[in-house]
Amino acid sequence: MISLKSIEDNQIKLSVDDPIEFFIINKVNMISLKSVAANQTELSIDDTMVLFSYNTPVAYHTPGDWARITESKFSQTTTKHINQWLKRHGLENPVSVSQDTIETVLIFRG
């Protein structure tokens, strides 16, 4: 399981249950993390953007491909976060995929 966890007010920690997954995540060229709105965080892994709503990855996009959004229904607020993120980046016609697929993109980047 992969999640974002707040350590203190301005710090966020990417938490991975399996240390092997953590090693794979760290085999990338560039990682950046930014808060884009209340309870919305965007993690960039090389050229892939991953949206976290609260502590859960719910969507991702790699240039030249369709955006992927979770087919899981977490809450109305999370759905709103996904729609705002798609609009903010001009992404249309997203493809719904399983929550496992969203989390797998974090494990196998790099």
Protein backbone atom coordinates (compact mmCIF):
# COMPACT_ATOMS: atom_id res chain seq x y z
CA MET A 1 0.00 0.00 0.00
CA ILE A 2 1.24 3.47 -0.88
CA SER A 3 0.04 6.66 0.78
CA LEU A 4 1.04 10.19 1.67
CA LYS A 5 1.30 10.94 5.36
CA SER A 6 1.68 14.30 7.01
CA ILE A 7 4.58 14.38 9.46
CA GLU A 8 4.30 18.03 10.46
CA ASP A 9 2.51 21.08 9.08
CA ASN A 10 4.72 21.62 6.02
CA GLN A 11 6.18 18.15 5.51
CA ILE A 12 4.69 15.22 3.66
CA LYS A 13 6.04 11.65 3.68
CA LEU A 14 5.43 9.05 0.97
CA SER A 15 4.75 5.85 2.89
CA VAL A 16 5.31 2.44 1.32
CA ASP A 17 4.60 -0.79 3.19
CA ASP A 18 7.19 -2.86 1.32
CA PRO A 19 10.85 -1.69 1.35
CA ILE A 20 11.40 -3.29 -2.08
CA GLU A 21 8.74 -0.98 -3.51
CA PHE A 22 10.46 1.98 -1.85
CA PHE A 23 13.74 1.04 -3.54
CA ILE A 24 12.05 0.88 -6.94
CA ILE A 25 10.38 4.25 -6.42
CA ASN A 26 13.76 5.81 -5.72
CA LYS A 27 15.24 4.60 -9.05
CA VAL A 28 13.97 7.66 -10.91
CA ASN A 29 15.70 10.78 -12.17
CA MET A 30 13.46 13.39 -10.59
CA ILE A 31 10.78 13.43 -7.91
CA SER A 32 8.91 16.53 -6.83
CA LEU A 33 5.99 16.97 -4.49
CA LYS A 34 3.72 19.99 -4.24
CA SER A 35 0.48 20.86 -2.56
CA VAL A 36 -1.83 22.14 -5.32
CA ALA A 37 -4.93 22.87 -3.21
CA ALA A 38 -6.47 21.91 0.11
CA ASN A 39 -6.05 18.14 0.59
CA GLN A 40 -4.64 17.78 -2.94
CA THR A 41 -1.01 16.91 -3.60
CA GLU A 42 0.71 16.33 -6.90
CA LEU A 43 3.68 13.99 -7.06
CA SER A 44 5.83 14.23 -10.20
CA ILE A 45 7.96 11.20 -10.96
CA ASP A 46 10.10 12.07 -13.97
CA ASP A 47 7.40 13.12 -16.49
CA THR A 48 4.45 11.38 -14.81
CA MET A 49 2.10 13.40 -12.58
CA VAL A 50 0.19 11.59 -9.83
CA LEU A 51 -2.69 13.24 -7.97
CA PHE A 52 -3.22 12.41 -4.30
CA SER A 53 -6.55 13.30 -2.73
CA TYR A 54 -5.99 13.41 1.00
CA ASN A 55 -3.46 10.55 1.39
CA THR A 56 -4.57 8.39 -1.54
CA PRO A 57 -3.26 8.35 -5.14
CA VAL A 58 -6.34 8.72 -7.36
CA ALA A 59 -5.14 9.76 -10.84
CA TYR A 60 -2.05 10.00 -13.01
CA HIS A 61 -0.94 11.29 -16.38
CA THR A 62 2.10 10.71 -18.58
CA PRO A 63 2.58 13.06 -21.58
CA GLY A 64 1.38 11.57 -24.86
CA ASP A 65 -1.13 9.29 -23.14
CA TRP A 66 -4.64 9.59 -21.69
CA ALA A 67 -5.03 10.58 -18.07
CA ARG A 68 -5.96 7.67 -15.83
CA ILE A 69 -8.38 8.10 -12.92
CA THR A 70 -9.42 5.61 -10.27
CA GLU A 71 -12.68 3.78 -10.80
CA SER A 72 -13.01 3.51 -7.01
CA LYS A 73 -15.47 5.90 -5.43
CA PHE A 74 -13.95 7.41 -2.29
CA SER A 75 -16.08 10.53 -1.72
CA GLN A 76 -17.71 13.46 -3.51
CA THR A 77 -14.76 15.58 -2.45
CA THR A 78 -12.23 13.20 -4.03
CA THR A 79 -14.26 13.19 -7.25
CA LYS A 80 -14.17 17.00 -7.14
CA HIS A 81 -10.38 16.91 -6.62
CA ILE A 82 -9.96 14.65 -9.67
CA ASN A 83 -12.14 16.91 -11.84
CA GLN A 84 -10.26 20.03 -10.70
CA TRP A 85 -6.93 18.36 -11.45
CA LEU A 86 -8.05 17.30 -14.94
CA LYS A 87 -9.29 20.83 -15.68
CA ARG A 88 -6.15 22.47 -14.24
CA HIS A 89 -3.97 20.44 -16.64
CA GLY A 90 -6.35 20.56 -19.63
CA LEU A 91 -6.78 16.78 -19.60
CA GLU A 92 -9.88 15.46 -21.36
CA ASN A 93 -11.47 12.03 -21.73
CA PRO A 94 -9.70 10.29 -18.85
CA VAL A 95 -9.67 6.50 -18.69
CA SER A 96 -11.04 4.86 -15.53
CA VAL A 97 -8.74 2.18 -14.14
CA SER A 98 -8.54 0.12 -10.95
CA GLN A 99 -7.05 1.59 -7.79
CA ASP A 100 -4.33 -1.06 -8.03
CA THR A 101 -3.33 0.33 -11.44
CA ILE A 102 -3.01 3.83 -9.98
CA GLU A 103 -0.79 2.54 -7.17
CA THR A 104 1.27 0.37 -9.53
CA VAL A 105 2.43 3.41 -11.50
CA LEU A 106 4.18 4.57 -8.33
CA ILE A 107 5.93 1.24 -7.90
CA PHE A 108 7.15 0.67 -11.45
CA ARG A 109 8.31 4.14 -12.50
CA GLY A 110 12.02 3.94 -13.23
